[in-house]
Amino acid sequence: MLNSTLLTHFIFTAYLDIGSLKFLCFTLTALLYFVIVFANMSLIVVICMNRSLHEPMHMFLCSLFVNELYSSTGSFPFLLVQILSDVHSVSASLCFLQVFCIHTAVSIEFSNLAVMSYDRYLAICRPLEYNKLMTLNYSAVLITVIWLCNFLRFLIALILTLTLTLCGNIIETFYCQNDQTVKLACSDTTFNNIYGLVVIAVQISLHLFPILYSYTKILRVCFNGSKEMQQKAVSTCTPHLVSLITFSVGCSFELIQSRFDVSSFPSMLRIIVFLYLLIMQPLLNPIMFGMQTSKIREKVKLLFCGQSRRG
């Protein structure tokens, strides 16, 4: 039995032996990581460098893109190392760092999408009051609260995990997860489980309320408003709804994997779910919001097309 703070490493059993194909997988994964970093970083630069985009909606998008970089950096470098390794293991300190990065990134994503739904409600249903209710300073405060609260909330969960006595170091997934680590404990995990379930219940409740309230009001406007208002609502909300749906599907998969024994599931199914969780949000969000948000789309075209013409 080892205290988790004294454990030196964890071993992953979900990886398959793919022989020389690992070099192809490494190249494709590295290319995908580059595309994700380039897409999100480009949009962050565009928003930060153009004062005309310094509006609450674009600030929330910037926070979302920063979070995609944060989550990808917590996953892809680790995965690239594991693809080339013959023994799939990681030091305990790096494992707990990845646990913190991935779990906080998921929480921040949910919080961001919830706040963005309320922002869309104000813009569509209360346009005359929007500038008064959603100022740039207020949006900055909301973004700061989103990041700090989620960091502090999960830091408590991580500290609780670090105090546990572990019976082993075998993790049956592709990456480090807090729940998988807790399952290795020999000591009593009742408080950890209660804290985790309470936090999940509170977080879902607090986030679902503004989402459901906002879209209920927006749908009412769509049904009762003019055709122009309906088109504005659809064009404005479609990227957010798509992102929200794909995120919800990914979270459902993650909850199933973390709370139940999935070792008997087919390896290919587990790989597909893992790739979905790894790729979908960081790649979909910059594409969806970058293409659908007209102001950002125009600035991106100006950035790259303008440079190519000068070149």
C-alpha atoms as a PDB file:
ATOM      1  CA  MET A   1       0.000   0.000   0.000  1.00  0.00           C
ATOM      2  CA  LEU A   2       1.303   3.419  -0.991  1.00  0.00           C
ATOM      3  CA  ASN A   3       0.175   6.922  -0.273  1.00  0.00           C
ATOM      4  CA  SER A   4      -0.599   8.554  -3.623  1.00  0.00           C
ATOM      5  CA  THR A   5       1.993  11.251  -2.906  1.00  0.00           C
ATOM      6  CA  LEU A   6       4.669   8.515  -2.584  1.00  0.00           C
ATOM      7  CA  LEU A   7       3.677   6.611  -5.717  1.00  0.00           C
ATOM      8  CA  THR A   8       6.296   6.953  -8.460  1.00  0.00           C
ATOM      9  CA  HIS A   9       4.356   6.079 -11.623  1.00  0.00           C
ATOM     10  CA  PHE A  10       1.143   4.767 -13.188  1.00  0.00           C
ATOM     11  CA  ILE A  11       0.792   2.164 -15.962  1.00  0.00           C
ATOM     12  CA  PHE A  12      -1.875   2.293 -18.705  1.00  0.00           C
ATOM     13  CA  THR A  13      -3.353  -0.932 -20.082  1.00  0.00           C
ATOM     14  CA  ALA A  14      -5.757   0.453 -22.718  1.00  0.00           C
ATOM     15  CA  TYR A  15      -3.098   1.009 -25.403  1.00  0.00           C
ATOM     16  CA  LEU A  16      -2.765  -1.580 -28.171  1.00  0.00           C
ATOM     17  CA  ASP A  17       0.459  -2.880 -29.712  1.00  0.00           C
ATOM     18  CA  ILE A  18       0.346  -1.475 -33.263  1.00  0.00           C
ATOM     19  CA  GLY A  19       3.949  -2.163 -34.232  1.00  0.00           C
ATOM     20  CA  SER A  20       5.467   0.106 -36.880  1.00  0.00           C
ATOM     21  CA  LEU A  21       2.097   1.837 -37.360  1.00  0.00           C
ATOM     22  CA  LYS A  22       2.907   3.856 -34.262  1.00  0.00           C
ATOM     23  CA  PHE A  23       5.064   6.195 -36.382  1.00  0.00           C
ATOM     24  CA  LEU A  24       2.117   6.917 -38.684  1.00  0.00           C
ATOM     25  CA  CYS A  25      -0.164   7.457 -35.678  1.00  0.00           C
ATOM     26  CA  PHE A  26       2.424   9.764 -34.121  1.00  0.00           C
ATOM     27  CA  THR A  27       2.660  11.859 -37.301  1.00  0.00           C
ATOM     28  CA  LEU A  28      -1.117  12.135 -37.699  1.00  0.00           C
ATOM     29  CA  THR A  29      -1.592  13.013 -34.022  1.00  0.00           C
ATOM     30  CA  ALA A  30       1.180  15.647 -34.144  1.00  0.00           C
ATOM     31  CA  LEU A  31      -0.374  17.141 -37.291  1.00  0.00           C
ATOM     32  CA  LEU A  32      -3.787  17.252 -35.643  1.00  0.00           C
ATOM     33  CA  TYR A  33      -2.317  18.945 -32.569  1.00  0.00           C
ATOM     34  CA  PHE A  34      -0.643  21.522 -34.802  1.00  0.00           C
ATOM     35  CA  VAL A  35      -3.954  22.253 -36.583  1.00  0.00           C
ATOM     36  CA  ILE A  36      -5.768  22.668 -33.250  1.00  0.00           C
ATOM     37  CA  VAL A  37      -3.090  24.994 -31.854  1.00  0.00           C
ATOM     38  CA  PHE A  38      -2.914  27.011 -35.082  1.00  0.00           C
ATOM     39  CA  ALA A  39      -6.704  27.391 -35.420  1.00  0.00           C
ATOM     40  CA  ASN A  40      -7.333  28.410 -31.811  1.00  0.00           C
ATOM     41  CA  MET A  41      -4.253  30.612 -31.539  1.00  0.00           C
ATOM     42  CA  SER A  42      -5.133  32.426 -34.778  1.00  0.00           C
ATOM     43  CA  LEU A  43      -8.596  33.290 -33.473  1.00  0.00           C
ATOM     44  CA  ILE A  44      -7.230  34.397 -30.101  1.00  0.00           C
ATOM     45  CA  VAL A  45      -4.756  36.719 -31.849  1.00  0.00           C
ATOM     46  CA  VAL A  46      -7.473  38.077 -34.164  1.00  0.00           C
ATOM     47  CA  ILE A  47      -9.781  38.885 -31.233  1.00  0.00           C
ATOM     48  CA  CYS A  48      -7.043  40.410 -29.069  1.00  0.00           C
ATOM     49  CA  MET A  49      -5.480  42.519 -31.852  1.00  0.00           C
ATOM     50  CA  ASN A  50      -8.711  44.032 -33.208  1.00  0.00           C
ATOM     51  CA  ARG A  51     -10.385  46.573 -30.959  1.00  0.00           C
ATOM     52  CA  SER A  52     -13.628  46.221 -32.931  1.00  0.00           C
ATOM     53  CA  LEU A  53     -13.872  42.668 -31.563  1.00  0.00           C
ATOM     54  CA  HIS A  54     -13.480  43.745 -27.943  1.00  0.00           C
ATOM     55  CA  GLU A  55     -17.100  42.961 -27.153  1.00  0.00           C
ATOM     56  CA  PRO A  56     -18.517  40.586 -24.505  1.00  0.00           C
ATOM     57  CA  MET A  57     -19.501  37.885 -27.007  1.00  0.00           C
ATOM     58  CA  HIS A  58     -16.016  37.813 -28.533  1.00  0.00           C
ATOM     59  CA  MET A  59     -14.380  37.864 -25.085  1.00  0.00           C
ATOM     60  CA  PHE A  60     -16.318  34.726 -24.161  1.00  0.00           C
ATOM     61  CA  LEU A  61     -15.212  33.141 -27.436  1.00  0.00           C
ATOM     62  CA  CYS A  62     -11.611  34.087 -26.691  1.00  0.00           C
ATOM     63  CA  SER A  63     -11.909  32.414 -23.283  1.00  0.00           C
ATOM     64  CA  LEU A  64     -13.329  29.330 -25.012  1.00  0.00           C
ATOM     65  CA  PHE A  65     -10.422  29.182 -27.493  1.00  0.00           C
ATOM     66  CA  VAL A  66      -7.869  29.612 -24.697  1.00  0.00           C
ATOM     67  CA  ASN A  67      -9.513  26.704 -22.911  1.00  0.00           C
ATOM     68  CA  GLU A  68      -9.240  24.547 -26.057  1.00  0.00           C
ATOM     69  CA  LEU A  69      -5.488  25.241 -26.111  1.00  0.00           C
ATOM     70  CA  TYR A  70      -5.300  24.458 -22.398  1.00  0.00           C
ATOM     71  CA  SER A  71      -7.141  21.139 -22.706  1.00  0.00           C
ATOM     72  CA  SER A  72      -5.217  20.076 -25.839  1.00  0.00           C
ATOM     73  CA  THR A  73      -1.868  20.853 -24.221  1.00  0.00           C
ATOM     74  CA  GLY A  74      -2.901  18.688 -21.281  1.00  0.00           C
ATOM     75  CA  SER A  75      -3.694  15.758 -23.607  1.00  0.00           C
ATOM     76  CA  PHE A  76      -1.757  15.736 -26.888  1.00  0.00           C
ATOM     77  CA  PRO A  77       1.903  15.907 -25.715  1.00  0.00           C
ATOM     78  CA  PHE A  78       1.143  13.082 -23.278  1.00  0.00           C
ATOM     79  CA  LEU A  79      -0.505  11.033 -26.029  1.00  0.00           C
ATOM     80  CA  LEU A  80       2.410  11.596 -28.437  1.00  0.00           C
ATOM     81  CA  VAL A  81       4.842  10.222 -25.850  1.00  0.00           C
ATOM     82  CA  GLN A  82       2.625   7.202 -25.179  1.00  0.00           C
ATOM     83  CA  ILE A  83       2.280   6.374 -28.904  1.00  0.00           C
ATOM     84  CA  LEU A  84       6.055   6.020 -29.295  1.00  0.00           C
ATOM     85  CA  SER A  85       6.607   4.245 -25.964  1.00  0.00           C
ATOM     86  CA  ASP A  86       6.844   0.476 -25.629  1.00  0.00           C
ATOM     87  CA  VAL A  87       5.892   0.701 -21.961  1.00  0.00           C
ATOM     88  CA  HIS A  88       2.885   2.940 -21.404  1.00  0.00           C
ATOM     89  CA  SER A  89       3.535   4.626 -18.095  1.00  0.00           C
ATOM     90  CA  VAL A  90       3.813   8.113 -16.642  1.00  0.00           C
ATOM     91  CA  SER A  91       5.241   9.593 -13.460  1.00  0.00           C
ATOM     92  CA  ALA A  92       2.753  10.207 -10.677  1.00  0.00           C
ATOM     93  CA  SER A  93       3.393  13.967 -10.631  1.00  0.00           C
ATOM     94  CA  LEU A  94       2.721  14.325 -14.373  1.00  0.00           C
ATOM     95  CA  CYS A  95      -0.343  12.105 -14.066  1.00  0.00           C
ATOM     96  CA  PHE A  96      -1.889  14.288 -11.367  1.00  0.00           C
ATOM     97  CA  LEU A  97      -0.995  17.387 -13.398  1.00  0.00           C
ATOM     98  CA  GLN A  98      -2.881  15.924 -16.362  1.00  0.00           C
ATOM     99  CA  VAL A  99      -5.821  15.063 -14.101  1.00  0.00           C
ATOM    100  CA  PHE A 100      -5.970  18.701 -13.000  1.00  0.00           C
ATOM    101  CA  CYS A 101      -5.689  20.066 -16.556  1.00  0.00           C
ATOM    102  CA  ILE A 102      -8.304  17.807 -18.128  1.00  0.00           C
ATOM    103  CA  HIS A 103     -10.907  18.057 -15.377  1.00  0.00           C
ATOM    104  CA  THR A 104     -10.629  21.829 -14.993  1.00  0.00           C
ATOM    105  CA  ALA A 105     -10.762  22.269 -18.787  1.00  0.00           C
ATOM    106  CA  VAL A 106     -14.022  20.300 -18.958  1.00  0.00           C
ATOM    107  CA  SER A 107     -15.557  22.373 -16.148  1.00  0.00           C
ATOM    108  CA  ILE A 108     -14.403  25.659 -17.694  1.00  0.00           C
ATOM    109  CA  GLU A 109     -15.863  24.612 -21.051  1.00  0.00           C
ATOM    110  CA  PHE A 110     -19.259  23.930 -19.473  1.00  0.00           C
ATOM    111  CA  SER A 111     -19.194  27.231 -17.565  1.00  0.00           C
ATOM    112  CA  ASN A 112     -18.203  29.155 -20.686  1.00  0.00           C
ATOM    113  CA  LEU A 113     -21.008  27.648 -22.742  1.00  0.00           C
ATOM    114  CA  ALA A 114     -23.534  28.376 -19.979  1.00  0.00           C
ATOM    115  CA  VAL A 115     -22.501  32.047 -19.767  1.00  0.00           C
ATOM    116  CA  MET A 116     -22.509  32.313 -23.571  1.00  0.00           C
ATOM    117  CA  SER A 117     -26.098  31.052 -23.683  1.00  0.00           C
ATOM    118  CA  TYR A 118     -27.140  33.841 -21.295  1.00  0.00           C
ATOM    119  CA  ASP A 119     -25.212  36.355 -23.411  1.00  0.00           C
ATOM    120  CA  ARG A 120     -27.092  35.172 -26.521  1.00  0.00           C
ATOM    121  CA  TYR A 121     -30.401  35.514 -24.658  1.00  0.00           C
ATOM    122  CA  LEU A 122     -29.634  39.152 -23.788  1.00  0.00           C
ATOM    123  CA  ALA A 123     -28.516  39.935 -27.353  1.00  0.00           C
ATOM    124  CA  ILE A 124     -31.615  38.408 -28.990  1.00  0.00           C
ATOM    125  CA  CYS A 125     -34.399  38.933 -26.452  1.00  0.00           C
ATOM    126  CA  ARG A 126     -33.296  42.194 -24.821  1.00  0.00           C
ATOM    127  CA  PRO A 127     -31.197  43.968 -27.484  1.00  0.00           C
ATOM    128  CA  LEU A 128     -31.961  47.494 -26.230  1.00  0.00           C
ATOM    129  CA  GLU A 129     -30.679  46.643 -22.747  1.00  0.00           C
ATOM    130  CA  TYR A 130     -27.756  44.485 -23.887  1.00  0.00           C
ATOM    131  CA  ASN A 131     -25.022  47.128 -23.670  1.00  0.00           C
ATOM    132  CA  LYS A 132     -26.183  48.092 -20.202  1.00  0.00           C
ATOM    133  CA  LEU A 133     -26.541  44.539 -18.826  1.00  0.00           C
ATOM    134  CA  MET A 134     -23.503  42.937 -20.492  1.00  0.00           C
ATOM    135  CA  THR A 135     -20.615  45.397 -20.404  1.00  0.00           C
ATOM    136  CA  LEU A 136     -17.028  44.549 -21.317  1.00  0.00           C
ATOM    137  CA  ASN A 137     -15.949  44.843 -17.667  1.00  0.00           C
ATOM    138  CA  TYR A 138     -18.766  42.573 -16.535  1.00  0.00           C
ATOM    139  CA  SER A 139     -17.796  39.945 -19.126  1.00  0.00           C
ATOM    140  CA  ALA A 140     -14.172  40.124 -17.900  1.00  0.00           C
ATOM    141  CA  VAL A 141     -15.365  39.538 -14.331  1.00  0.00           C
ATOM    142  CA  LEU A 142     -17.469  36.544 -15.436  1.00  0.00           C
ATOM    143  CA  ILE A 143     -14.530  35.001 -17.302  1.00  0.00           C
ATOM    144  CA  THR A 144     -12.240  35.480 -14.295  1.00  0.00           C
ATOM    145  CA  VAL A 145     -14.804  33.897 -11.966  1.00  0.00           C
ATOM    146  CA  ILE A 146     -15.262  30.955 -14.366  1.00  0.00           C
ATOM    147  CA  TRP A 147     -11.545  30.125 -14.393  1.00  0.00           C
ATOM    148  CA  LEU A 148     -10.811  30.751 -10.702  1.00  0.00           C
ATOM    149  CA  CYS A 149     -13.859  28.924  -9.333  1.00  0.00           C
ATOM    150  CA  ASN A 150     -13.241  25.833 -11.454  1.00  0.00           C
ATOM    151  CA  PHE A 151      -9.550  25.773 -10.532  1.00  0.00           C
ATOM    152  CA  LEU A 152     -10.329  26.026  -6.811  1.00  0.00           C
ATOM    153  CA  ARG A 153     -13.197  23.528  -6.959  1.00  0.00           C
ATOM    154  CA  PHE A 154     -11.134  20.790  -8.550  1.00  0.00           C
ATOM    155  CA  LEU A 155      -8.046  21.591  -6.475  1.00  0.00           C
ATOM    156  CA  ILE A 156     -10.040  20.409  -3.447  1.00  0.00           C
ATOM    157  CA  ALA A 157     -10.930  17.157  -5.232  1.00  0.00           C
ATOM    158  CA  LEU A 158      -7.298  16.613  -6.213  1.00  0.00           C
ATOM    159  CA  ILE A 159      -6.065  17.212  -2.655  1.00  0.00           C
ATOM    160  CA  LEU A 160      -8.597  14.641  -1.423  1.00  0.00           C
ATOM    161  CA  THR A 161      -7.246  12.149  -3.972  1.00  0.00           C
ATOM    162  CA  LEU A 162      -3.629  12.810  -2.955  1.00  0.00           C
ATOM    163  CA  THR A 163      -4.431  11.887   0.664  1.00  0.00           C
ATOM    164  CA  LEU A 164      -5.634   8.398  -0.306  1.00  0.00           C
ATOM    165  CA  THR A 165      -3.640   5.212   0.178  1.00  0.00           C
ATOM    166  CA  LEU A 166      -3.417   3.319  -3.117  1.00  0.00           C
ATOM    167  CA  CYS A 167      -3.283  -0.455  -3.629  1.00  0.00           C
ATOM    168  CA  GLY A 168      -1.925  -0.346  -7.158  1.00  0.00           C
ATOM    169  CA  ASN A 169      -0.862   1.781 -10.094  1.00  0.00           C
ATOM    170  CA  ILE A 170      -2.682   0.167 -13.060  1.00  0.00           C
ATOM    171  CA  ILE A 171      -5.070   2.517 -14.894  1.00  0.00           C
ATOM    172  CA  GLU A 172      -7.339   0.904 -17.502  1.00  0.00           C
ATOM    173  CA  THR A 173      -7.749   3.984 -19.703  1.00  0.00           C
ATOM    174  CA  PHE A 174      -5.690   5.995 -22.199  1.00  0.00           C
ATOM    175  CA  TYR A 175      -4.956   8.916 -19.868  1.00  0.00           C
ATOM    176  CA  CYS A 176      -5.020   9.930 -16.221  1.00  0.00           C
ATOM    177  CA  GLN A 177      -8.453  10.358 -14.642  1.00  0.00           C
ATOM    178  CA  ASN A 178      -9.319  11.295 -11.093  1.00  0.00           C
ATOM    179  CA  ASP A 179     -12.034   8.648 -10.707  1.00  0.00           C
ATOM    180  CA  GLN A 180      -9.756   5.913 -12.039  1.00  0.00           C
ATOM    181  CA  THR A 181      -7.130   6.909  -9.473  1.00  0.00           C
ATOM    182  CA  VAL A 182      -9.679   6.892  -6.655  1.00  0.00           C
ATOM    183  CA  LYS A 183     -10.663   3.326  -7.663  1.00  0.00           C
ATOM    184  CA  LEU A 184      -7.100   2.211  -6.856  1.00  0.00           C
ATOM    185  CA  ALA A 185      -7.464   3.286  -3.224  1.00  0.00           C
ATOM    186  CA  CYS A 186      -7.266   0.884  -0.281  1.00  0.00           C
ATOM    187  CA  SER A 187      -8.445   3.525   2.160  1.00  0.00           C
ATOM    188  CA  ASP A 188     -11.999   4.769   2.556  1.00  0.00           C
ATOM    189  CA  THR A 189     -13.146   6.821  -0.445  1.00  0.00           C
ATOM    190  CA  THR A 190     -16.643   7.669   0.808  1.00  0.00           C
ATOM    191  CA  PHE A 191     -15.916  11.370   1.250  1.00  0.00           C
ATOM    192  CA  ASN A 192     -14.223  11.571  -2.154  1.00  0.00           C
ATOM    193  CA  ASN A 193     -17.236   9.969  -3.841  1.00  0.00           C
ATOM    194  CA  ILE A 194     -19.764  12.148  -2.005  1.00  0.00           C
ATOM    195  CA  TYR A 195     -17.792  15.312  -2.795  1.00  0.00           C
ATOM    196  CA  GLY A 196     -17.518  14.314  -6.464  1.00  0.00           C
ATOM    197  CA  LEU A 197     -21.221  13.531  -6.827  1.00  0.00           C
ATOM    198  CA  VAL A 198     -22.304  16.707  -5.005  1.00  0.00           C
ATOM    199  CA  VAL A 199     -20.018  18.877  -7.150  1.00  0.00           C
ATOM    200  CA  ILE A 200     -21.276  17.238 -10.359  1.00  0.00           C
ATOM    201  CA  ALA A 201     -24.921  17.689  -9.295  1.00  0.00           C
ATOM    202  CA  VAL A 202     -24.412  21.333  -8.279  1.00  0.00           C
ATOM    203  CA  GLN A 203     -22.425  22.146 -11.406  1.00  0.00           C
ATOM    204  CA  ILE A 204     -24.967  20.576 -13.754  1.00  0.00           C
ATOM    205  CA  SER A 205     -27.847  22.339 -11.980  1.00  0.00           C
ATOM    206  CA  LEU A 206     -26.160  25.763 -11.973  1.00  0.00           C
ATOM    207  CA  HIS A 207     -25.216  25.484 -15.635  1.00  0.00           C
ATOM    208  CA  LEU A 208     -28.375  23.909 -17.003  1.00  0.00           C
ATOM    209  CA  PHE A 209     -30.587  26.636 -15.542  1.00  0.00           C
ATOM    210  CA  PRO A 210     -29.167  29.556 -17.613  1.00  0.00           C
ATOM    211  CA  ILE A 211     -28.944  27.317 -20.696  1.00  0.00           C
ATOM    212  CA  LEU A 212     -32.545  26.086 -20.514  1.00  0.00           C
ATOM    213  CA  TYR A 213     -33.888  29.497 -19.461  1.00  0.00           C
ATOM    214  CA  SER A 214     -32.036  31.299 -22.252  1.00  0.00           C
ATOM    215  CA  TYR A 215     -33.065  28.941 -25.018  1.00  0.00           C
ATOM    216  CA  THR A 216     -36.656  28.825 -23.826  1.00  0.00           C
ATOM    217  CA  LYS A 217     -36.799  32.619 -24.203  1.00  0.00           C
ATOM    218  CA  ILE A 218     -34.950  32.512 -27.535  1.00  0.00           C
ATOM    219  CA  LEU A 219     -37.333  29.879 -28.941  1.00  0.00           C
ATOM    220  CA  ARG A 220     -40.285  32.014 -27.891  1.00  0.00           C
ATOM    221  CA  VAL A 221     -38.801  34.943 -29.814  1.00  0.00           C
ATOM    222  CA  CYS A 222     -38.237  32.693 -32.835  1.00  0.00           C
ATOM    223  CA  PHE A 223     -41.870  31.588 -32.895  1.00  0.00           C
ATOM    224  CA  ASN A 224     -43.379  35.016 -32.221  1.00  0.00           C
ATOM    225  CA  GLY A 225     -40.834  37.350 -33.791  1.00  0.00           C
ATOM    226  CA  SER A 226     -40.306  38.580 -37.336  1.00  0.00           C
ATOM    227  CA  LYS A 227     -38.531  36.570 -40.005  1.00  0.00           C
ATOM    228  CA  GLU A 228     -35.478  38.784 -39.661  1.00  0.00           C
ATOM    229  CA  MET A 229     -35.393  38.133 -35.921  1.00  0.00           C
ATOM    230  CA  GLN A 230     -35.692  34.381 -36.525  1.00  0.00           C
ATOM    231  CA  GLN A 231     -32.786  34.407 -38.975  1.00  0.00           C
ATOM    232  CA  LYS A 232     -30.650  36.384 -36.525  1.00  0.00           C
ATOM    233  CA  ALA A 233     -31.446  33.930 -33.729  1.00  0.00           C
ATOM    234  CA  VAL A 234     -30.643  30.890 -35.871  1.00  0.00           C
ATOM    235  CA  SER A 235     -27.355  32.286 -37.218  1.00  0.00           C
ATOM    236  CA  THR A 236     -26.288  33.448 -33.760  1.00  0.00           C
ATOM    237  CA  CYS A 237     -27.236  30.345 -31.794  1.00  0.00           C
ATOM    238  CA  THR A 238     -26.397  27.511 -34.212  1.00  0.00           C
ATOM    239  CA  PRO A 239     -22.623  27.353 -33.430  1.00  0.00           C
ATOM    240  CA  HIS A 240     -23.319  27.526 -29.700  1.00  0.00           C
ATOM    241  CA  LEU A 241     -25.986  24.809 -29.845  1.00  0.00           C
ATOM    242  CA  VAL A 242     -23.776  22.484 -31.901  1.00  0.00           C
ATOM    243  CA  SER A 243     -20.883  23.010 -29.480  1.00  0.00           C
ATOM    244  CA  LEU A 244     -23.177  22.432 -26.505  1.00  0.00           C
ATOM    245  CA  ILE A 245     -24.573  19.184 -27.963  1.00  0.00           C
ATOM    246  CA  THR A 246     -21.175  17.727 -28.886  1.00  0.00           C
ATOM    247  CA  PHE A 247     -19.830  18.693 -25.458  1.00  0.00           C
ATOM    248  CA  SER A 248     -22.791  17.046 -23.706  1.00  0.00           C
ATOM    249  CA  VAL A 249     -22.294  13.826 -25.675  1.00  0.00           C
ATOM    250  CA  GLY A 250     -18.604  13.808 -24.768  1.00  0.00           C
ATOM    251  CA  CYS A 251     -19.347  14.421 -21.084  1.00  0.00           C
ATOM    252  CA  SER A 252     -21.865  11.560 -21.075  1.00  0.00           C
ATOM    253  CA  PHE A 253     -19.209   9.202 -22.450  1.00  0.00           C
ATOM    254  CA  GLU A 254     -16.730  10.462 -19.860  1.00  0.00           C
ATOM    255  CA  LEU A 255     -19.143   9.950 -16.951  1.00  0.00           C
ATOM    256  CA  ILE A 256     -19.888   6.394 -18.095  1.00  0.00           C
ATOM    257  CA  GLN A 257     -16.171   5.605 -18.397  1.00  0.00           C
ATOM    258  CA  SER A 258     -15.265   7.122 -15.043  1.00  0.00           C
ATOM    259  CA  ARG A 259     -18.156   5.745 -12.982  1.00  0.00           C
ATOM    260  CA  PHE A 260     -18.480   2.226 -14.462  1.00  0.00           C
ATOM    261  CA  ASP A 261     -16.162  -0.632 -15.396  1.00  0.00           C
ATOM    262  CA  VAL A 262     -15.602  -0.348 -19.172  1.00  0.00           C
ATOM    263  CA  SER A 263     -12.678  -2.794 -19.416  1.00  0.00           C
ATOM    264  CA  SER A 264     -15.013  -5.338 -21.054  1.00  0.00           C
ATOM    265  CA  PHE A 265     -15.986  -2.891 -23.826  1.00  0.00           C
ATOM    266  CA  PRO A 266     -14.486  -3.565 -27.300  1.00  0.00           C
ATOM    267  CA  SER A 267     -11.083  -1.912 -27.707  1.00  0.00           C
ATOM    268  CA  MET A 268     -12.133  -0.181 -30.923  1.00  0.00           C
ATOM    269  CA  LEU A 269     -15.169   1.392 -29.233  1.00  0.00           C
ATOM    270  CA  ARG A 270     -12.993   2.708 -26.412  1.00  0.00           C
ATOM    271  CA  ILE A 271     -10.520   4.155 -28.948  1.00  0.00           C
ATOM    272  CA  ILE A 272     -13.340   5.894 -30.860  1.00  0.00           C
ATOM    273  CA  VAL A 273     -14.728   7.398 -27.647  1.00  0.00           C
ATOM    274  CA  PHE A 274     -11.241   8.514 -26.613  1.00  0.00           C
ATOM    275  CA  LEU A 275     -10.611  10.193 -29.987  1.00  0.00           C
ATOM    276  CA  TYR A 276     -14.020  11.900 -29.808  1.00  0.00           C
ATOM    277  CA  LEU A 277     -13.202  13.354 -26.376  1.00  0.00           C
ATOM    278  CA  LEU A 278      -9.725  14.381 -27.502  1.00  0.00           C
ATOM    279  CA  ILE A 279     -10.552  16.007 -30.831  1.00  0.00           C
ATOM    280  CA  MET A 280     -14.147  17.185 -31.061  1.00  0.00           C
ATOM    281  CA  GLN A 281     -14.293  20.390 -28.981  1.00  0.00           C
ATOM    282  CA  PRO A 282     -10.791  21.797 -29.669  1.00  0.00           C
ATOM    283  CA  LEU A 283     -11.242  21.303 -33.415  1.00  0.00           C
ATOM    284  CA  LEU A 284     -14.972  21.999 -33.819  1.00  0.00           C
ATOM    285  CA  ASN A 285     -15.220  25.215 -31.806  1.00  0.00           C
ATOM    286  CA  PRO A 286     -12.710  27.335 -33.766  1.00  0.00           C
ATOM    287  CA  ILE A 287     -14.173  26.081 -37.048  1.00  0.00           C
ATOM    288  CA  MET A 288     -17.804  26.656 -36.038  1.00  0.00           C
ATOM    289  CA  PHE A 289     -17.390  30.019 -34.303  1.00  0.00           C
ATOM    290  CA  GLY A 290     -14.687  31.241 -36.661  1.00  0.00           C
ATOM    291  CA  MET A 291     -16.789  30.556 -39.764  1.00  0.00           C
ATOM    292  CA  GLN A 292     -20.216  31.477 -38.393  1.00  0.00           C
ATOM    293  CA  THR A 293     -19.315  34.690 -36.536  1.00  0.00           C
ATOM    294  CA  SER A 294     -19.235  37.267 -39.336  1.00  0.00           C
ATOM    295  CA  LYS A 295     -16.953  39.835 -37.652  1.00  0.00           C
ATOM    296  CA  ILE A 296     -14.343  37.208 -36.774  1.00  0.00           C
ATOM    297  CA  ARG A 297     -14.584  35.614 -40.222  1.00  0.00           C
ATOM    298  CA  GLU A 298     -13.897  38.944 -41.915  1.00  0.00           C
ATOM    299  CA  LYS A 299     -10.928  39.709 -39.666  1.00  0.00           C
ATOM    300  CA  VAL A 300      -9.442  36.238 -40.278  1.00  0.00           C
ATOM    301  CA  LYS A 301      -9.784  36.729 -44.042  1.00  0.00           C
ATOM    302  CA  LEU A 302      -8.138  40.121 -43.749  1.00  0.00           C
ATOM    303  CA  LEU A 303      -5.293  38.692 -41.660  1.00  0.00           C
ATOM    304  CA  PHE A 304      -4.368  35.840 -44.004  1.00  0.00           C
ATOM    305  CA  CYS A 305      -5.505  37.151 -47.395  1.00  0.00           C
ATOM    306  CA  GLY A 306      -3.969  40.572 -46.680  1.00  0.00           C
ATOM    307  CA  GLN A 307      -0.636  38.979 -45.787  1.00  0.00           C
ATOM    308  CA  SER A 308      -0.649  36.739 -48.874  1.00  0.00           C
ATOM    309  CA  ARG A 309      -1.300  39.733 -51.138  1.00  0.00           C
ATOM    310  CA  ARG A 310       1.568  41.689 -49.574  1.00  0.00           C
ATOM    311  CA  GLY A 311       3.752  38.595 -49.955  1.00  0.00           C
END
